[in-house]
Amino acid sequence: MVWVGVSFMLEKLLLAITITFSLNLFLQVRLLEESNRGADLEQLQQPAPTILVRLPQK
């Protein structure tokens, strides 16, 4: 009888850990995608940088 209660609690604990891990992973991936998307838009709006090089005179 006691084993059934412990088994049930362990099952619920494992389920809670799995749900928490999945949500954290899902939200982390979405945050990374949103931050990358923002960087892409920022790069498209800015003109390409001009690179100036001075050659040493001999």
Protein backbone atom coordinates (compact mmCIF):
# COMPACT_ATOMS: atom_id res chain seq x y z
CA MET A 1 0.00 0.00 0.00
CA VAL A 2 2.80 2.42 0.88
CA TRP A 3 4.72 1.46 -2.28
CA VAL A 4 1.76 2.57 -4.43
CA GLY A 5 1.80 6.04 -2.84
CA VAL A 6 5.57 6.41 -3.27
CA SER A 7 5.36 5.18 -6.86
CA PHE A 8 2.59 7.67 -7.61
CA MET A 9 4.61 10.54 -6.09
CA LEU A 10 7.74 9.59 -8.06
CA GLU A 11 5.69 9.45 -11.25
CA LYS A 12 4.31 12.94 -10.59
CA LEU A 13 7.78 14.25 -9.75
CA LEU A 14 9.23 12.82 -12.97
CA LEU A 15 6.35 14.33 -14.94
CA ALA A 16 6.91 17.74 -13.35
CA ILE A 17 10.66 17.61 -14.10
CA THR A 18 9.99 16.59 -17.71
CA ILE A 19 7.45 19.38 -18.24
CA THR A 20 9.76 21.97 -16.66
CA PHE A 21 12.73 20.88 -18.78
CA SER A 22 10.64 20.90 -21.97
CA LEU A 23 9.23 24.37 -21.29
CA ASN A 24 12.67 25.78 -20.50
CA LEU A 25 14.10 24.29 -23.68
CA PHE A 26 11.19 25.54 -25.79
CA LEU A 27 11.31 29.06 -24.36
CA GLN A 28 15.09 29.25 -24.68
CA VAL A 29 14.93 28.29 -28.36
CA ARG A 30 12.21 30.88 -29.00
CA LEU A 31 14.23 33.60 -27.26
CA LEU A 32 17.30 32.76 -29.31
CA GLU A 33 15.29 32.87 -32.55
CA GLU A 34 13.79 36.24 -31.64
CA SER A 35 17.16 37.74 -30.76
CA ASN A 36 18.67 36.44 -34.03
CA ARG A 37 15.72 37.80 -35.99
CA GLY A 38 16.24 41.22 -34.44
CA ALA A 39 19.93 41.17 -35.34
CA ASP A 40 19.09 40.26 -38.94
CA LEU A 41 16.65 43.16 -39.25
CA GLU A 42 19.20 45.55 -37.76
CA GLN A 43 21.85 44.42 -40.25
CA LEU A 44 19.46 44.88 -43.17
CA GLN A 45 18.61 48.43 -42.14
CA GLN A 46 22.22 49.60 -41.79
CA PRO A 47 24.39 50.25 -44.85
CA ALA A 48 27.47 48.14 -45.40
CA PRO A 49 30.55 49.52 -43.61
CA THR A 50 33.27 51.19 -45.65
CA ILE A 51 36.73 49.82 -44.99
CA LEU A 52 39.61 52.25 -45.45
CA VAL A 53 43.15 50.91 -45.73
CA ARG A 54 46.31 53.01 -45.84
CA LEU A 55 49.27 51.49 -47.55
CA PRO A 56 52.63 52.32 -46.02
CA GLN A 57 54.86 54.50 -48.22
CA LYS A 58 58.30 53.14 -48.99
